[in-house]
């Protein structure tokens, strides 16, 4: 998923349940190798898959969309260099229609 800092910096975020901060199967958000709990995740959501959005909600993360950011959005045109993600997306036990 793509995230933005409060200053507009574009970052890659990943959800995982394989981290000590994760409890009872709830995912933890990892950004630049650092874990963030729902109360510590000061990011805007730039883009995420349907599964990632469901997992964010399951984990208690309420990240506002970057499009709702009130300040200068000149960052919107910058290129984001996608990295290959060797991990799989978290499975969603509640998925419907094969999503």
PDB file of N, CA and C in Angstrom:
ATOM      1  N   UNK A   1       0.843  -1.178   0.000  1.00  0.00           N
ATOM      2  CA  UNK A   1       0.000   0.000   0.000  1.00  0.00           C
ATOM      3  C   UNK A   1       0.882   1.232   0.000  1.00  0.00           C
ATOM      4  N   UNK A   2       0.327   2.305  -0.471  1.00  0.00           N
ATOM      5  CA  UNK A   2       1.048   3.567  -0.523  1.00  0.00           C
ATOM      6  C   UNK A   2       0.510   4.492   0.557  1.00  0.00           C
ATOM      7  N   UNK A   3       1.431   5.096   1.276  1.00  0.00           N
ATOM      8  CA  UNK A   3       1.085   6.004   2.364  1.00  0.00           C
ATOM      9  C   UNK A   3       1.781   7.334   2.146  1.00  0.00           C
ATOM     10  N   UNK A   4       1.310   8.340   2.836  1.00  0.00           N
ATOM     11  CA  UNK A   4       1.968   9.645   2.853  1.00  0.00           C
ATOM     12  C   UNK A   4       2.145  10.060   4.308  1.00  0.00           C
ATOM     13  N   UNK A   5       3.284  10.681   4.581  1.00  0.00           N
ATOM     14  CA  UNK A   5       3.489  11.255   5.900  1.00  0.00           C
ATOM     15  C   UNK A   5       2.660  12.530   6.004  1.00  0.00           C
ATOM     16  N   UNK A   6       2.625  13.113   7.163  1.00  0.00           N
ATOM     17  CA  UNK A   6       1.901  14.367   7.343  1.00  0.00           C
ATOM     18  C   UNK A   6       2.502  15.481   6.496  1.00  0.00           C
ATOM     19  N   UNK A   7       3.798  15.332   6.129  1.00  0.00           N
ATOM     20  CA  UNK A   7       4.473  16.304   5.274  1.00  0.00           C
ATOM     21  C   UNK A   7       4.349  15.976   3.793  1.00  0.00           C
ATOM     22  N   UNK A   8       3.695  14.857   3.457  1.00  0.00           N
ATOM     23  CA  UNK A   8       3.474  14.505   2.065  1.00  0.00           C
ATOM     24  C   UNK A   8       4.464  13.519   1.476  1.00  0.00           C
ATOM     25  N   UNK A   9       5.444  13.064   2.259  1.00  0.00           N
ATOM     26  CA  UNK A   9       6.410  12.096   1.736  1.00  0.00           C
ATOM     27  C   UNK A   9       5.704  10.781   1.418  1.00  0.00           C
ATOM     28  N   UNK A  10       5.980  10.238   0.243  1.00  0.00           N
ATOM     29  CA  UNK A  10       5.364   8.997  -0.209  1.00  0.00           C
ATOM     30  C   UNK A  10       6.163   7.806   0.298  1.00  0.00           C
ATOM     31  N   UNK A  11       5.466   6.848   0.931  1.00  0.00           N
ATOM     32  CA  UNK A  11       6.104   5.678   1.527  1.00  0.00           C
ATOM     33  C   UNK A  11       5.340   4.411   1.177  1.00  0.00           C
ATOM     34  N   UNK A  12       5.995   3.291   1.319  1.00  0.00           N
ATOM     35  CA  UNK A  12       5.356   1.985   1.150  1.00  0.00           C
ATOM     36  C   UNK A  12       5.048   1.450   2.550  1.00  0.00           C
ATOM     37  N   UNK A  13       3.841   0.933   2.727  1.00  0.00           N
ATOM     38  CA  UNK A  13       3.451   0.313   3.985  1.00  0.00           C
ATOM     39  C   UNK A  13       3.032  -1.127   3.740  1.00  0.00           C
ATOM     40  N   UNK A  14       3.195  -1.954   4.747  1.00  0.00           N
ATOM     41  CA  UNK A  14       2.835  -3.361   4.639  1.00  0.00           C
ATOM     42  C   UNK A  14       2.189  -3.799   5.951  1.00  0.00           C
ATOM     43  N   UNK A  15       1.169  -4.619   5.838  1.00  0.00           N
ATOM     44  CA  UNK A  15       0.523  -5.176   7.017  1.00  0.00           C
ATOM     45  C   UNK A  15       1.020  -6.594   7.221  1.00  0.00           C
ATOM     46  N   UNK A  16       1.249  -6.939   8.477  1.00  0.00           N
ATOM     47  CA  UNK A  16       1.687  -8.287   8.780  1.00  0.00           C
ATOM     48  C   UNK A  16       1.167  -8.712  10.145  1.00  0.00           C
ATOM     49  N   UNK A  17       0.950  -9.998  10.282  1.00  0.00           N
ATOM     50  CA  UNK A  17       0.595 -10.555  11.600  1.00  0.00           C
ATOM     51  C   UNK A  17       1.802 -11.272  12.196  1.00  0.00           C
ATOM     52  N   UNK A  18       2.914 -11.271  11.473  1.00  0.00           N
ATOM     53  CA  UNK A  18       4.125 -11.938  11.936  1.00  0.00           C
ATOM     54  C   UNK A  18       5.088 -10.925  12.542  1.00  0.00           C
ATOM     55  N   UNK A  19       4.625 -10.244  13.553  1.00  0.00           N
ATOM     56  CA  UNK A  19       5.429  -9.248  14.250  1.00  0.00           C
ATOM     57  C   UNK A  19       5.012  -9.287  15.711  1.00  0.00           C
ATOM     58  N   UNK A  20       5.953  -9.135  16.626  1.00  0.00           N
ATOM     59  CA  UNK A  20       5.605  -9.239  18.059  1.00  0.00           C
ATOM     60  C   UNK A  20       4.487  -8.303  18.506  1.00  0.00           C
ATOM     61  N   UNK A  21       4.346  -7.153  17.851  1.00  0.00           N
ATOM     62  CA  UNK A  21       3.300  -6.198  18.219  1.00  0.00           C
ATOM     63  C   UNK A  21       1.909  -6.703  17.846  1.00  0.00           C
ATOM     64  N   UNK A  22       1.846  -7.660  16.916  1.00  0.00           N
ATOM     65  CA  UNK A  22       0.573  -8.231  16.478  1.00  0.00           C
ATOM     66  C   UNK A  22       0.055  -9.178  17.549  1.00  0.00           C
ATOM     67  N   UNK A  23      -1.206  -9.003  17.900  1.00  0.00           N
ATOM     68  CA  UNK A  23      -1.818  -9.901  18.886  1.00  0.00           C
ATOM     69  C   UNK A  23      -3.138 -10.413  18.355  1.00  0.00           C
ATOM     70  N   UNK A  24      -3.449 -11.633  18.692  1.00  0.00           N
ATOM     71  CA  UNK A  24      -4.719 -12.252  18.325  1.00  0.00           C
ATOM     72  C   UNK A  24      -5.014 -12.184  16.826  1.00  0.00           C
ATOM     73  N   UNK A  25      -3.967 -12.234  16.001  1.00  0.00           N
ATOM     74  CA  UNK A  25      -4.162 -12.239  14.557  1.00  0.00           C
ATOM     75  C   UNK A  25      -4.452 -10.879  13.940  1.00  0.00           C
ATOM     76  N   UNK A  26      -4.363  -9.813  14.726  1.00  0.00           N
ATOM     77  CA  UNK A  26      -4.590  -8.472  14.191  1.00  0.00           C
ATOM     78  C   UNK A  26      -3.311  -7.973  13.528  1.00  0.00           C
ATOM     79  N   UNK A  27      -3.425  -7.397  12.338  1.00  0.00           N
ATOM     80  CA  UNK A  27      -2.222  -6.961  11.615  1.00  0.00           C
ATOM     81  C   UNK A  27      -1.599  -5.706  12.206  1.00  0.00           C
ATOM     82  N   UNK A  28      -0.301  -5.583  11.953  1.00  0.00           N
ATOM     83  CA  UNK A  28       0.479  -4.422  12.350  1.00  0.00           C
ATOM     84  C   UNK A  28       0.997  -3.771  11.077  1.00  0.00           C
ATOM     85  N   UNK A  29       0.990  -2.456  11.038  1.00  0.00           N
ATOM     86  CA  UNK A  29       1.476  -1.703   9.897  1.00  0.00           C
ATOM     87  C   UNK A  29       2.986  -1.509  10.028  1.00  0.00           C
ATOM     88  N   UNK A  30       3.715  -1.903   8.974  1.00  0.00           N
ATOM     89  CA  UNK A  30       5.161  -1.750   8.952  1.00  0.00           C
ATOM     90  C   UNK A  30       5.509  -0.720   7.875  1.00  0.00           C
ATOM     91  N   UNK A  31       6.257   0.308   8.271  1.00  0.00           N
ATOM     92  CA  UNK A  31       6.707   1.353   7.355  1.00  0.00           C
ATOM     93  C   UNK A  31       8.199   1.558   7.600  1.00  0.00           C
ATOM     94  N   UNK A  32       8.995   1.414   6.538  1.00  0.00           N
ATOM     95  CA  UNK A  32      10.456   1.536   6.644  1.00  0.00           C
ATOM     96  C   UNK A  32      11.009   0.633   7.737  1.00  0.00           C
ATOM     97  N   UNK A  33      10.455  -0.565   7.859  1.00  0.00           N
ATOM     98  CA  UNK A  33      10.939  -1.537   8.833  1.00  0.00           C
ATOM     99  C   UNK A  33      10.488  -1.307  10.260  1.00  0.00           C
ATOM    100  N   UNK A  34       9.721  -0.262  10.497  1.00  0.00           N
ATOM    101  CA  UNK A  34       9.254   0.069  11.845  1.00  0.00           C
ATOM    102  C   UNK A  34       7.774  -0.263  11.992  1.00  0.00           C
ATOM    103  N   UNK A  35       7.381  -0.861  13.124  1.00  0.00           N
ATOM    104  CA  UNK A  35       5.965  -1.170  13.355  1.00  0.00           C
ATOM    105  C   UNK A  35       5.209   0.042  13.894  1.00  0.00           C
ATOM    106  N   UNK A  36       3.964   0.163  13.474  1.00  0.00           N
ATOM    107  CA  UNK A  36       3.093   1.232  13.957  1.00  0.00           C
ATOM    108  C   UNK A  36       1.755   0.629  14.351  1.00  0.00           C
ATOM    109  N   UNK A  37       1.360   0.870  15.588  1.00  0.00           N
ATOM    110  CA  UNK A  37       0.035   0.472  16.035  1.00  0.00           C
ATOM    111  C   UNK A  37      -0.974   1.495  15.540  1.00  0.00           C
ATOM    112  N   UNK A  38      -2.256   1.194  15.656  1.00  0.00           N
ATOM    113  CA  UNK A  38      -3.296   2.113  15.173  1.00  0.00           C
ATOM    114  C   UNK A  38      -3.199   3.521  15.763  1.00  0.00           C
ATOM    115  N   UNK A  39      -2.800   3.615  17.022  1.00  0.00           N
ATOM    116  CA  UNK A  39      -2.719   4.921  17.669  1.00  0.00           C
ATOM    117  C   UNK A  39      -1.463   5.695  17.277  1.00  0.00           C
ATOM    118  N   UNK A  40      -0.467   5.002  16.694  1.00  0.00           N
ATOM    119  CA  UNK A  40       0.789   5.638  16.330  1.00  0.00           C
ATOM    120  C   UNK A  40       0.942   5.902  14.841  1.00  0.00           C
ATOM    121  N   UNK A  41       0.025   5.416  14.033  1.00  0.00           N
ATOM    122  CA  UNK A  41       0.148   5.496  12.578  1.00  0.00           C
ATOM    123  C   UNK A  41      -0.322   6.858  12.074  1.00  0.00           C
ATOM    124  N   UNK A  42       0.582   7.818  12.076  1.00  0.00           N
ATOM    125  CA  UNK A  42       0.273   9.172  11.599  1.00  0.00           C
ATOM    126  C   UNK A  42       0.570   9.268  10.107  1.00  0.00           C
ATOM    127  N   UNK A  43      -0.253   8.592   9.321  1.00  0.00           N
ATOM    128  CA  UNK A  43      -0.079   8.566   7.874  1.00  0.00           C
ATOM    129  C   UNK A  43      -1.419   8.829   7.200  1.00  0.00           C
ATOM    130  N   UNK A  44      -1.322   9.275   5.953  1.00  0.00           N
ATOM    131  CA  UNK A  44      -2.483   9.331   5.084  1.00  0.00           C
ATOM    132  C   UNK A  44      -2.408   8.129   4.159  1.00  0.00           C
ATOM    133  N   UNK A  45      -3.546   7.644   3.732  1.00  0.00           N
ATOM    134  CA  UNK A  45      -3.601   6.519   2.809  1.00  0.00           C
ATOM    135  C   UNK A  45      -3.654   7.047   1.381  1.00  0.00           C
ATOM    136  N   UNK A  46      -2.628   6.739   0.598  1.00  0.00           N
ATOM    137  CA  UNK A  46      -2.575   7.136  -0.815  1.00  0.00           C
ATOM    138  C   UNK A  46      -3.330   6.111  -1.658  1.00  0.00           C
ATOM    139  N   UNK A  47      -3.019   4.824  -1.485  1.00  0.00           N
ATOM    140  CA  UNK A  47      -3.730   3.772  -2.206  1.00  0.00           C
ATOM    141  C   UNK A  47      -3.513   2.440  -1.496  1.00  0.00           C
ATOM    142  N   UNK A  48      -4.508   1.560  -1.627  1.00  0.00           N
ATOM    143  CA  UNK A  48      -4.440   0.234  -1.011  1.00  0.00           C
ATOM    144  C   UNK A  48      -5.431  -0.679  -1.716  1.00  0.00           C
ATOM    145  N   UNK A  49      -5.119  -1.963  -1.718  1.00  0.00           N
ATOM    146  CA  UNK A  49      -6.033  -2.940  -2.311  1.00  0.00           C
ATOM    147  C   UNK A  49      -7.241  -3.124  -1.400  1.00  0.00           C
ATOM    148  N   UNK A  50      -8.252  -3.782  -1.912  1.00  0.00           N
ATOM    149  CA  UNK A  50      -9.442  -4.069  -1.113  1.00  0.00           C
ATOM    150  C   UNK A  50      -9.073  -4.903   0.110  1.00  0.00           C
ATOM    151  N   UNK A  51      -8.211  -5.881  -0.086  1.00  0.00           N
ATOM    152  CA  UNK A  51      -7.784  -6.732   1.030  1.00  0.00           C
ATOM    153  C   UNK A  51      -7.035  -5.904   2.067  1.00  0.00           C
ATOM    154  N   UNK A  52      -6.136  -5.027   1.614  1.00  0.00           N
ATOM    155  CA  UNK A  52      -5.394  -4.181   2.552  1.00  0.00           C
ATOM    156  C   UNK A  52      -6.327  -3.268   3.327  1.00  0.00           C
ATOM    157  N   UNK A  53      -7.340  -2.727   2.653  1.00  0.00           N
ATOM    158  CA  UNK A  53      -8.301  -1.852   3.349  1.00  0.00           C
ATOM    159  C   UNK A  53      -9.078  -2.623   4.421  1.00  0.00           C
ATOM    160  N   UNK A  54      -9.464  -3.853   4.101  1.00  0.00           N
ATOM    161  CA  UNK A  54     -10.163  -4.685   5.089  1.00  0.00           C
ATOM    162  C   UNK A  54      -9.256  -5.001   6.277  1.00  0.00           C
ATOM    163  N   UNK A  55      -7.983  -5.297   5.980  1.00  0.00           N
ATOM    164  CA  UNK A  55      -7.035  -5.602   7.045  1.00  0.00           C
ATOM    165  C   UNK A  55      -6.738  -4.371   7.906  1.00  0.00           C
ATOM    166  N   UNK A  56      -6.664  -3.199   7.282  1.00  0.00           N
ATOM    167  CA  UNK A  56      -6.486  -1.972   8.062  1.00  0.00           C
ATOM    168  C   UNK A  56      -7.642  -1.796   9.041  1.00  0.00           C
ATOM    169  N   UNK A  57      -8.860  -1.981   8.559  1.00  0.00           N
ATOM    170  CA  UNK A  57     -10.038  -1.853   9.425  1.00  0.00           C
ATOM    171  C   UNK A  57     -10.004  -2.901  10.530  1.00  0.00           C
ATOM    172  N   UNK A  58      -9.650  -4.131  10.182  1.00  0.00           N
ATOM    173  CA  UNK A  58      -9.568  -5.210  11.174  1.00  0.00           C
ATOM    174  C   UNK A  58      -8.560  -4.868  12.270  1.00  0.00           C
ATOM    175  N   UNK A  59      -7.448  -4.235  11.879  1.00  0.00           N
ATOM    176  CA  UNK A  59      -6.411  -3.870  12.837  1.00  0.00           C
ATOM    177  C   UNK A  59      -6.694  -2.594  13.607  1.00  0.00           C
ATOM    178  N   UNK A  60      -7.798  -1.914  13.289  1.00  0.00           N
ATOM    179  CA  UNK A  60      -8.155  -0.697  14.010  1.00  0.00           C
ATOM    180  C   UNK A  60      -7.516   0.566  13.455  1.00  0.00           C
ATOM    181  N   UNK A  61      -6.949   0.479  12.245  1.00  0.00           N
ATOM    182  CA  UNK A  61      -6.322   1.644  11.625  1.00  0.00           C
ATOM    183  C   UNK A  61      -7.378   2.465  10.910  1.00  0.00           C
ATOM    184  N   UNK A  62      -7.358   3.759  11.151  1.00  0.00           N
ATOM    185  CA  UNK A  62      -8.293   4.673  10.513  1.00  0.00           C
ATOM    186  C   UNK A  62      -7.476   5.771   9.839  1.00  0.00           C
ATOM    187  N   UNK A  63      -6.892   5.434   8.676  1.00  0.00           N
ATOM    188  CA  UNK A  63      -6.040   6.381   7.971  1.00  0.00           C
ATOM    189  C   UNK A  63      -6.882   7.191   6.992  1.00  0.00           C
ATOM    190  N   UNK A  64      -6.822   8.494   7.134  1.00  0.00           N
ATOM    191  CA  UNK A  64      -7.575   9.371   6.232  1.00  0.00           C
ATOM    192  C   UNK A  64      -6.984   9.304   4.831  1.00  0.00           C
ATOM    193  N   UNK A  65      -7.821   9.380   3.818  1.00  0.00           N
ATOM    194  CA  UNK A  65      -7.308   9.393   2.443  1.00  0.00           C
ATOM    195  C   UNK A  65      -6.477  10.652   2.189  1.00  0.00           C
ATOM    196  N   UNK A  66      -5.409  10.483   1.422  1.00  0.00           N
ATOM    197  CA  UNK A  66      -4.562  11.633   1.086  1.00  0.00           C
ATOM    198  C   UNK A  66      -5.358  12.693   0.345  1.00  0.00           C
ATOM    199  N   UNK A  67      -6.346  12.288  -0.425  1.00  0.00           N
ATOM    200  CA  UNK A  67      -7.158  13.243  -1.185  1.00  0.00           C
ATOM    201  C   UNK A  67      -7.893  14.219  -0.278  1.00  0.00           C
ATOM    202  N   UNK A  68      -8.045  13.883   0.994  1.00  0.00           N
ATOM    203  CA  UNK A  68      -8.701  14.778   1.945  1.00  0.00           C
ATOM    204  C   UNK A  68      -7.720  15.700   2.660  1.00  0.00           C
ATOM    205  N   UNK A  69      -6.420  15.559   2.335  1.00  0.00           N
ATOM    206  CA  UNK A  69      -5.394  16.398   2.943  1.00  0.00           C
ATOM    207  C   UNK A  69      -5.650  17.831   2.511  1.00  0.00           C
ATOM    208  N   UNK A  70      -5.679  18.755   3.444  1.00  0.00           N
ATOM    209  CA  UNK A  70      -6.098  20.124   3.158  1.00  0.00           C
ATOM    210  C   UNK A  70      -4.999  21.009   2.605  1.00  0.00           C
ATOM    211  N   UNK A  71      -3.748  20.618   2.773  1.00  0.00           N
ATOM    212  CA  UNK A  71      -2.665  21.495   2.363  1.00  0.00           C
ATOM    213  C   UNK A  71      -2.250  21.231   0.926  1.00  0.00           C
ATOM    214  N   UNK A  72      -1.203  21.892   0.491  1.00  0.00           N
ATOM    215  CA  UNK A  72      -0.682  21.784  -0.867  1.00  0.00           C
ATOM    216  C   UNK A  72      -0.458  20.326  -1.255  1.00  0.00           C
ATOM    217  N   UNK A  73      -1.036  19.918  -2.376  1.00  0.00           N
ATOM    218  CA  UNK A  73      -0.900  18.542  -2.831  1.00  0.00           C
ATOM    219  C   UNK A  73      -0.034  18.460  -4.086  1.00  0.00           C
ATOM    220  N   UNK A  74       1.023  19.264  -4.159  1.00  0.00           N
ATOM    221  CA  UNK A  74       1.893  19.238  -5.321  1.00  0.00           C
ATOM    222  C   UNK A  74       2.626  17.916  -5.444  1.00  0.00           C
ATOM    223  N   UNK A  75       2.631  17.115  -4.389  1.00  0.00           N
ATOM    224  CA  UNK A  75       3.290  15.818  -4.415  1.00  0.00           C
ATOM    225  C   UNK A  75       2.557  14.835  -5.324  1.00  0.00           C
ATOM    226  N   UNK A  76       1.310  15.105  -5.637  1.00  0.00           N
ATOM    227  CA  UNK A  76       0.485  14.138  -6.352  1.00  0.00           C
ATOM    228  C   UNK A  76       1.087  13.709  -7.681  1.00  0.00           C
ATOM    229  N   UNK A  77       1.867  14.543  -8.336  1.00  0.00           N
ATOM    230  CA  UNK A  77       2.427  14.197  -9.624  1.00  0.00           C
ATOM    231  C   UNK A  77       3.730  13.411  -9.546  1.00  0.00           C
ATOM    232  N   UNK A  78       4.297  13.252  -8.357  1.00  0.00           N
ATOM    233  CA  UNK A  78       5.589  12.581  -8.255  1.00  0.00           C
ATOM    234  C   UNK A  78       5.464  11.088  -8.520  1.00  0.00           C
ATOM    235  N   UNK A  79       6.501  10.525  -9.046  1.00  0.00           N
ATOM    236  CA  UNK A  79       6.524   9.091  -9.330  1.00  0.00           C
ATOM    237  C   UNK A  79       6.815   8.316  -8.056  1.00  0.00           C
ATOM    238  N   UNK A  80       6.145   7.207  -7.918  1.00  0.00           N
ATOM    239  CA  UNK A  80       6.383   6.309  -6.792  1.00  0.00           C
ATOM    240  C   UNK A  80       7.083   5.089  -7.351  1.00  0.00           C
ATOM    241  N   UNK A  81       8.231   4.787  -6.842  1.00  0.00           N
ATOM    242  CA  UNK A  81       8.984   3.641  -7.314  1.00  0.00           C
ATOM    243  C   UNK A  81       8.538   2.415  -6.532  1.00  0.00           C
ATOM    244  N   UNK A  82       7.713   1.604  -7.181  1.00  0.00           N
ATOM    245  CA  UNK A  82       7.240   0.387  -6.535  1.00  0.00           C
ATOM    246  C   UNK A  82       8.395  -0.562  -6.306  1.00  0.00           C
ATOM    247  N   UNK A  83       8.392  -1.185  -5.170  1.00  0.00           N
ATOM    248  CA  UNK A  83       9.381  -2.202  -4.856  1.00  0.00           C
ATOM    249  C   UNK A  83       8.701  -3.547  -4.979  1.00  0.00           C
ATOM    250  N   UNK A  84       9.470  -4.536  -5.368  1.00  0.00           N
ATOM    251  CA  UNK A  84       8.923  -5.883  -5.395  1.00  0.00           C
ATOM    252  C   UNK A  84       8.680  -6.307  -3.957  1.00  0.00           C
ATOM    253  N   UNK A  85       7.514  -6.801  -3.688  1.00  0.00           N
ATOM    254  CA  UNK A  85       7.157  -7.255  -2.351  1.00  0.00           C
ATOM    255  C   UNK A  85       7.245  -8.768  -2.330  1.00  0.00           C
ATOM    256  N   UNK A  86       8.278  -9.309  -1.678  1.00  0.00           N
ATOM    257  CA  UNK A  86       8.454 -10.759  -1.677  1.00  0.00           C
ATOM    258  C   UNK A  86       7.397 -11.491  -0.861  1.00  0.00           C
ATOM    259  N   UNK A  87       6.714 -10.779   0.019  1.00  0.00           N
ATOM    260  CA  UNK A  87       5.694 -11.418   0.849  1.00  0.00           C
ATOM    261  C   UNK A  87       4.358 -11.456   0.154  1.00  0.00           C
ATOM    262  N   UNK A  88       3.469 -12.233   0.720  1.00  0.00           N
ATOM    263  CA  UNK A  88       2.122 -12.315   0.196  1.00  0.00           C
ATOM    264  C   UNK A  88       1.244 -11.344   0.954  1.00  0.00           C
ATOM    265  N   UNK A  89       0.135 -10.968   0.327  1.00  0.00           N
ATOM    266  CA  UNK A  89      -0.819 -10.111   1.015  1.00  0.00           C
ATOM    267  C   UNK A  89      -1.476 -10.921   2.119  1.00  0.00           C
ATOM    268  N   UNK A  90      -1.840 -10.277   3.228  1.00  0.00           N
ATOM    269  CA  UNK A  90      -2.518 -11.008   4.296  1.00  0.00           C
ATOM    270  C   UNK A  90      -3.796 -11.630   3.779  1.00  0.00           C
ATOM    271  N   UNK A  91      -4.052 -12.839   4.224  1.00  0.00           N
ATOM    272  CA  UNK A  91      -5.281 -13.490   3.803  1.00  0.00           C
ATOM    273  C   UNK A  91      -6.455 -12.887   4.532  1.00  0.00           C
ATOM    274  N   UNK A  92      -7.579 -12.838   3.850  1.00  0.00           N
ATOM    275  CA  UNK A  92      -8.788 -12.278   4.416  1.00  0.00           C
ATOM    276  C   UNK A  92      -9.799 -13.400   4.549  1.00  0.00           C
ATOM    277  N   UNK A  93     -10.013 -13.855   5.782  1.00  0.00           N
ATOM    278  CA  UNK A  93     -10.920 -14.974   6.027  1.00  0.00           C
ATOM    279  C   UNK A  93     -12.354 -14.633   5.714  1.00  0.00           C
ATOM    280  N   UNK A  94     -12.690 -13.342   5.689  1.00  0.00           N
ATOM    281  CA  UNK A  94     -14.066 -12.924   5.470  1.00  0.00           C
ATOM    282  C   UNK A  94     -14.339 -12.537   4.023  1.00  0.00           C
ATOM    283  N   UNK A  95     -13.441 -12.877   3.124  1.00  0.00           N
ATOM    284  CA  UNK A  95     -13.606 -12.420   1.749  1.00  0.00           C
ATOM    285  C   UNK A  95     -14.786 -13.093   1.076  1.00  0.00           C
ATOM    286  N   UNK A  96     -15.360 -12.356   0.133  1.00  0.00           N
ATOM    287  CA  UNK A  96     -16.485 -12.852  -0.641  1.00  0.00           C
ATOM    288  C   UNK A  96     -16.112 -12.776  -2.107  1.00  0.00           C
ATOM    289  N   UNK A  97     -16.680 -13.626  -2.913  1.00  0.00           N
ATOM    290  CA  UNK A  97     -16.483 -13.615  -4.350  1.00  0.00           C
ATOM    291  C   UNK A  97     -15.021 -13.745  -4.739  1.00  0.00           C
ATOM    292  N   UNK A  98     -14.207 -14.398  -3.941  1.00  0.00           N
ATOM    293  CA  UNK A  98     -12.830 -14.663  -4.269  1.00  0.00           C
ATOM    294  C   UNK A  98     -11.908 -13.472  -4.211  1.00  0.00           C
ATOM    295  N   UNK A  99     -12.315 -12.386  -3.556  1.00  0.00           N
ATOM    296  CA  UNK A  99     -11.441 -11.210  -3.447  1.00  0.00           C
ATOM    297  C   UNK A  99     -10.380 -11.483  -2.423  1.00  0.00           C
TER     298      UNK A  99
END
